[in-house]
Protein backbone atom coordinates (compact mmCIF):
# COMPACT_ATOMS: atom_id res chain seq x y z
CA MET A 1 -5.00 -28.44 -0.61
CA ALA A 2 -3.18 -27.10 2.66
CA GLU A 3 -3.72 -29.38 5.57
CA MET A 4 -5.52 -27.13 8.17
CA LYS A 5 -3.36 -27.40 11.40
CA ASP A 6 -5.77 -28.77 14.66
CA PRO A 7 -6.92 -25.21 16.72
CA SER A 8 -6.30 -26.68 19.83
CA LEU A 9 -2.38 -26.36 18.95
CA ARG A 10 -2.03 -22.83 17.97
CA GLU A 11 0.12 -20.35 19.90
CA PHE A 12 -3.05 -18.00 19.87
CA HIS A 13 -6.67 -18.73 19.65
CA PHE A 14 -7.98 -17.50 16.25
CA THR A 15 -12.00 -18.30 15.95
CA SER A 16 -14.12 -17.89 12.60
CA GLN A 17 -14.85 -14.80 13.75
CA ASP A 18 -12.06 -13.13 14.90
CA PHE A 19 -10.95 -14.67 10.63
CA GLN A 20 -14.68 -12.41 9.46
CA ARG A 21 -12.63 -9.72 11.32
CA VAL A 22 -9.68 -9.70 9.76
CA CYS A 23 -11.66 -10.93 6.05
CA LYS A 24 -13.67 -7.06 6.93
CA LEU A 25 -11.03 -5.00 8.16
CA ILE A 26 -8.21 -5.48 5.04
CA TYR A 27 -12.20 -5.43 2.55
CA ASP A 28 -12.45 -1.87 4.27
CA HIS A 29 -8.83 -0.62 4.54
CA ALA A 30 -7.49 -2.11 0.97
CA GLY A 31 -10.20 -3.53 -0.57
CA ILE A 32 -8.46 -6.80 -0.75
CA SER A 33 -11.12 -9.95 -0.46
CA LEU A 34 -9.97 -12.79 1.35
CA SER A 35 -11.33 -16.32 0.57
CA ALA A 36 -12.16 -18.69 3.14
CA SER A 37 -9.17 -20.96 1.83
CA LYS A 38 -6.25 -17.76 3.51
CA GLN A 39 -7.07 -18.68 6.88
CA GLU A 40 -4.46 -20.18 8.15
CA LEU A 41 -2.05 -17.95 5.76
CA VAL A 42 -4.19 -15.33 7.92
CA TYR A 43 -3.06 -16.26 11.06
CA SER A 44 0.21 -18.25 10.36
CA ARG A 45 1.16 -14.37 9.20
CA LEU A 46 -0.94 -12.23 11.84
CA SER A 47 0.37 -14.32 14.88
CA ARG A 48 4.06 -12.79 13.81
CA ARG A 49 2.67 -9.71 14.40
CA LEU A 50 0.47 -10.64 17.92
CA ARG A 51 4.32 -11.77 19.15
CA ALA A 52 5.94 -8.42 17.74
CA THR A 53 3.09 -5.85 19.76
CA GLY A 54 3.14 -8.48 23.23
CA ILE A 55 -0.39 -9.01 22.71
CA LYS A 56 -1.91 -12.01 23.70
CA THR A 57 -5.21 -12.36 22.08
CA PHE A 58 -6.60 -11.90 18.36
CA THR A 59 -9.61 -10.35 20.49
CA GLU A 60 -7.33 -7.49 21.72
CA TYR A 61 -5.15 -7.47 18.49
CA LEU A 62 -8.26 -6.68 16.42
CA LYS A 63 -9.76 -4.15 19.17
CA LEU A 64 -6.59 -2.55 18.21
CA LEU A 65 -7.07 -2.22 15.11
CA GLU A 66 -10.55 -1.20 15.33
CA GLN A 67 -9.50 2.01 17.11
CA ASN A 68 -7.40 3.17 14.14
CA ASP A 69 -3.92 2.87 15.62
CA VAL A 70 -2.02 4.01 12.58
CA ALA A 71 1.42 2.18 13.28
CA GLU A 72 -0.18 -1.26 13.40
CA TRP A 73 -2.45 -0.28 10.99
CA GLU A 74 0.32 0.17 8.25
CA ALA A 75 1.93 -3.53 10.01
CA PHE A 76 -1.38 -5.26 9.57
CA ALA A 77 -1.79 -4.18 5.55
CA ASN A 78 1.93 -5.11 5.19
CA SER A 79 1.32 -8.39 6.66
CA LEU A 80 -1.49 -9.56 4.42
CA THR A 81 -0.55 -8.11 1.17
CA THR A 82 0.96 -10.66 -1.08
CA ASN A 83 4.62 -9.57 -3.33
CA LEU A 84 5.11 -12.52 -5.94
CA THR A 85 7.76 -10.43 -8.11
CA SER A 86 10.97 -10.70 -10.83
CA PHE A 87 12.39 -9.39 -13.30
CA PHE A 88 10.17 -9.32 -17.00
CA ARG A 89 7.70 -11.16 -15.36
CA GLU A 90 4.50 -11.67 -17.95
CA HIS A 91 7.99 -10.68 -21.02
CA HIS A 92 5.43 -10.51 -23.76
CA HIS A 93 4.63 -7.11 -21.95
CA PHE A 94 8.25 -5.24 -22.45
CA PRO A 95 8.80 -6.07 -26.39
CA LEU A 96 5.39 -3.58 -27.02
CA LEU A 97 5.84 -1.39 -24.00
CA ALA A 98 9.49 -0.33 -25.80
CA GLU A 99 7.25 0.27 -29.22
CA GLN A 100 4.83 2.01 -27.89
CA LEU A 101 7.48 4.56 -25.97
CA LYS A 102 9.08 4.77 -29.55
CA LYS A 103 6.19 5.53 -31.42
CA ILE A 104 6.15 8.15 -29.01
CA GLY A 105 9.85 9.44 -29.31
CA SER A 106 10.29 12.71 -27.50
CA SER A 107 6.60 14.43 -28.90
CA HIS A 108 6.16 14.92 -24.83
CA PRO A 109 7.92 14.00 -21.45
CA ILE A 110 6.52 10.05 -20.96
CA VAL A 111 4.80 9.29 -17.72
CA ILE A 112 4.63 5.79 -16.67
CA TRP A 113 2.75 4.39 -13.67
CA CYS A 114 3.38 0.81 -11.95
CA SER A 115 0.21 0.47 -9.53
CA ALA A 116 1.95 -2.28 -7.94
CA SER A 117 5.82 -1.72 -7.89
CA SER A 118 6.34 -4.15 -4.85
CA THR A 119 9.69 -4.49 -3.96
CA GLY A 120 10.83 -2.73 -7.30
CA GLU A 121 11.78 -5.65 -9.67
CA GLU A 122 8.40 -4.21 -12.29
CA PRO A 123 9.33 -0.43 -12.15
CA TYR A 124 12.93 -1.13 -12.80
CA SER A 125 12.49 -4.02 -15.64
CA ILE A 126 10.24 -1.14 -16.69
CA ALA A 127 13.09 1.96 -17.10
CA MET A 128 15.18 -1.33 -18.55
CA THR A 129 13.30 -1.00 -21.51
CA ALA A 130 12.97 2.65 -21.60
CA VAL A 131 16.89 2.76 -21.80
CA ASP A 132 16.93 -0.26 -24.12
CA ALA A 133 14.10 1.97 -26.35
CA PHE A 134 16.38 5.25 -26.64
CA ASN A 135 19.60 3.71 -26.48
CA SER A 136 20.04 6.42 -23.48
CA PHE A 137 20.37 5.97 -19.48
CA THR A 138 18.69 9.29 -19.64
CA PRO A 139 15.32 8.65 -21.59
CA PRO A 140 12.52 11.44 -21.41
CA VAL A 141 10.45 8.72 -18.87
CA LYS A 142 9.64 9.71 -16.00
CA ILE A 143 7.83 6.22 -13.56
CA ILE A 144 5.52 6.54 -10.66
CA ALA A 145 6.23 3.06 -8.80
CA THR A 146 3.43 3.08 -5.64
CA ASP A 147 2.14 0.05 -3.73
CA LEU A 148 0.33 -0.11 0.12
CA ASP A 149 3.21 -2.35 1.52
CA THR A 150 5.75 0.14 3.11
CA ASN A 151 8.75 -2.44 3.62
CA VAL A 152 8.19 -3.38 -0.44
CA LEU A 153 8.41 -0.01 -1.17
CA ASP A 154 11.98 0.14 1.37
CA THR A 155 13.40 -2.51 -0.85
CA ALA A 156 12.65 -1.23 -3.67
CA ARG A 157 14.17 2.15 -3.46
CA ARG A 158 17.65 0.59 -2.11
CA GLY A 159 17.08 -1.88 -5.10
CA VAL A 160 19.99 -4.10 -3.79
CA TYR A 161 19.22 -8.21 -4.72
CA ALA A 162 20.12 -11.90 -4.28
CA MET A 163 21.98 -12.63 -7.74
CA GLU A 164 19.24 -15.77 -7.88
CA ARG A 165 16.28 -12.54 -8.42
CA VAL A 166 18.78 -11.37 -11.50
CA GLU A 167 19.45 -15.20 -12.73
CA LYS A 168 16.45 -15.77 -15.60
CA MET A 169 18.98 -12.28 -17.30
CA SER A 170 21.33 -12.40 -19.68
CA ASP A 171 24.71 -12.00 -19.17
CA ALA A 172 25.20 -8.83 -20.81
CA GLN A 173 21.89 -7.00 -19.05
CA ILE A 174 22.82 -7.99 -15.57
CA LYS A 175 26.32 -6.07 -17.24
CA ARG A 176 24.58 -3.24 -18.33
CA PHE A 177 21.79 -2.68 -15.57
CA PHE A 178 23.79 -4.11 -12.34
CA PHE A 179 27.03 -3.67 -10.02
CA LYS A 180 27.97 -6.73 -8.56
CA GLY A 181 28.30 -6.78 -5.06
CA THR A 182 32.51 -7.62 -3.35
CA GLY A 183 33.56 -9.06 0.10
CA ALA A 184 30.52 -8.30 2.48
CA GLN A 185 27.96 -7.77 -0.31
CA GLU A 186 29.24 -10.49 -2.82
CA GLY A 187 26.26 -12.50 -4.02
CA PHE A 188 24.31 -9.42 -4.16
CA VAL A 189 23.53 -7.19 -7.20
CA LYS A 190 22.63 -2.43 -6.93
CA VAL A 191 20.97 -0.85 -10.22
CA ARG A 192 22.61 1.52 -11.82
CA PRO A 193 21.85 4.76 -10.17
CA GLU A 194 20.69 6.25 -13.24
CA LEU A 195 17.70 3.11 -13.20
CA GLN A 196 16.55 4.58 -9.68
CA ASN A 197 16.94 8.18 -10.66
CA MET A 198 14.26 7.31 -13.48
CA ILE A 199 11.99 6.24 -10.53
CA THR A 200 9.73 7.87 -7.27
CA PHE A 201 8.37 5.39 -5.67
CA ARG A 202 5.33 6.19 -2.73
CA LYS A 203 3.11 4.57 -0.84
CA LEU A 204 -0.41 5.01 -2.43
CA ASN A 205 -3.73 2.46 -1.32
CA LEU A 206 -5.94 2.65 -4.81
CA LEU A 207 -8.57 2.88 -2.42
CA ASP A 208 -7.60 6.33 -1.66
CA ALA A 209 -10.44 8.87 -2.35
CA THR A 210 -7.29 11.13 -4.48
CA TRP A 211 -4.01 10.26 -6.23
CA PRO A 212 -0.97 11.37 -5.87
CA ILE A 213 -1.10 11.39 -9.95
CA ARG A 214 -0.91 15.10 -11.32
CA ASP A 215 0.25 14.19 -14.94
CA ARG A 216 -1.76 12.83 -17.75
CA VAL A 217 0.07 8.77 -18.25
CA ASP A 218 0.93 7.75 -21.23
CA VAL A 219 1.77 3.90 -19.75
CA ILE A 220 0.02 2.02 -16.79
CA PHE A 221 1.51 -1.08 -15.04
CA CYS A 222 -1.82 -2.98 -13.04
CA ARG A 223 -0.25 -6.29 -12.97
CA ASN A 224 -1.76 -9.39 -10.65
CA VAL A 225 -3.41 -6.96 -7.69
CA MET A 226 -6.69 -6.74 -9.83
CA ILE A 227 -7.28 -10.60 -8.14
CA TYR A 228 -7.39 -8.85 -4.81
CA PHE A 229 -10.48 -7.03 -5.65
CA ASP A 230 -13.98 -7.92 -6.22
CA LYS A 231 -15.54 -7.07 -10.05
CA GLU A 232 -17.42 -4.17 -7.99
CA THR A 233 -13.55 -2.92 -6.67
CA GLN A 234 -11.87 -3.51 -9.76
CA LEU A 235 -14.54 -0.97 -11.64
CA ALA A 236 -13.92 1.70 -9.34
CA ILE A 237 -10.87 1.90 -9.93
CA LEU A 238 -10.80 1.94 -13.10
CA LYS A 239 -13.00 4.19 -13.69
CA LYS A 240 -11.09 6.57 -11.66
CA MET A 241 -7.56 5.11 -13.95
CA ALA A 242 -9.05 6.21 -17.64
CA PRO A 243 -9.33 10.04 -16.75
CA ILE A 244 -5.50 10.19 -15.72
CA MET A 245 -4.55 8.40 -19.60
CA ARG A 246 -3.51 10.10 -22.62
CA PRO A 247 -5.83 8.63 -25.56
CA ASP A 248 -3.41 6.59 -26.82
CA GLY A 249 -2.33 5.29 -23.28
CA LEU A 250 -1.80 1.81 -22.71
CA LEU A 251 -3.14 -0.72 -19.83
CA TYR A 252 -0.90 -3.89 -18.93
CA ALA A 253 -2.41 -6.35 -16.33
CA GLY A 254 -1.54 -9.67 -15.55
CA HIS A 255 -2.04 -13.20 -17.22
CA SER A 256 -5.27 -14.03 -15.34
CA GLU A 257 -7.05 -10.62 -15.11
CA ASN A 258 -9.79 -9.49 -17.04
CA PHE A 259 -11.55 -6.27 -17.23
CA TYR A 260 -14.48 -6.82 -18.96
CA GLN A 261 -16.71 -4.98 -16.94
CA ALA A 262 -14.75 -1.71 -17.60
CA GLU A 263 -15.77 -1.75 -20.99
CA ALA A 264 -17.31 1.30 -20.95
CA TYR A 265 -13.31 3.02 -19.92
CA PHE A 266 -11.21 0.19 -21.39
CA ARG A 267 -11.36 -2.45 -24.60
CA LEU A 268 -8.80 -5.28 -24.91
CA ARG A 269 -6.20 -3.75 -27.84
CA GLY A 270 -3.92 -7.49 -27.13
CA LYS A 271 -3.10 -9.95 -24.56
CA THR A 272 -3.69 -8.73 -21.31
CA VAL A 273 -3.06 -5.61 -22.92
CA TYR A 274 -6.16 -2.61 -22.36
CA GLU A 275 -6.46 1.20 -24.72
CA LEU A 276 -8.87 3.54 -23.78
CA SER A 277 -13.06 2.97 -25.05
CA PRO A 278 -13.36 4.80 -28.58
CA GLN A 279 -15.74 7.48 -26.67
CA LEU A 280 -13.10 8.58 -23.58
CA LYS A 281 -10.05 8.40 -26.19
CA ALA A 282 -11.63 10.81 -28.51
CA ALA A 283 -12.77 12.74 -25.41
CA GLN A 284 -9.21 12.99 -24.07
CA ALA A 285 -8.19 14.55 -27.86
CA ASP A 286 -10.01 16.80 -27.03
CA LYS A 287 -8.38 17.65 -23.95
CA SER A 288 -4.62 17.24 -25.39
């Protein structure tokens, strides 16, 4: 367990009441539940915002947020969202995805929603899987990649990564899907433009009343994001996801996530992979 710092040594005064206000603000805004063990992390990350804005106290900073300062709300949310990711993370999902894509084939344009795209490794891994599945750099696949954090979306759009980010991939994969940097860019790789062309990156808050997802979706990747929501919020999100899916659509979840509370909408099909419940599958088939 991390050792708590002596409050008297902190640059800014930060009380338990301040922490509770932060918890309420980020929960109301993004549905993220922060446990008491996150207090030091919250202090560390938000202290950077106080320095950046020139604000001297957390009381003043939180008052600014409560006055709905739009720019600072975005920076606040960006500071408190976690963006741990990697290429082909939870590798067992990708052979199943390839099998699913081949099964659909060219029967209709395939739509995949990556609902927590972070810095882009996940949607680019999906795009690579699609390229391999169809043996084409122009597969009939559209990927919608969304995230609450605008900073990570900017990184994802650029598609430039340090070499160590791809070190677990094979040399053949790196050669096929990336350009290696030279000169000032040595030590970096950039994803091929064909992969970037498959993906539309957008800011999206899963708690928004409506989502800008207009197409029926074949695949949803919602991995390692539900762990930040309480069960009630998870259920509300899953209830909204179900109607936008095609009858044979699949929902890919993170290794530590379990959606048993949403069995009216989704049922477990395999290792952290869900399909629509039989009732919803039949209802969606009637709409097709």
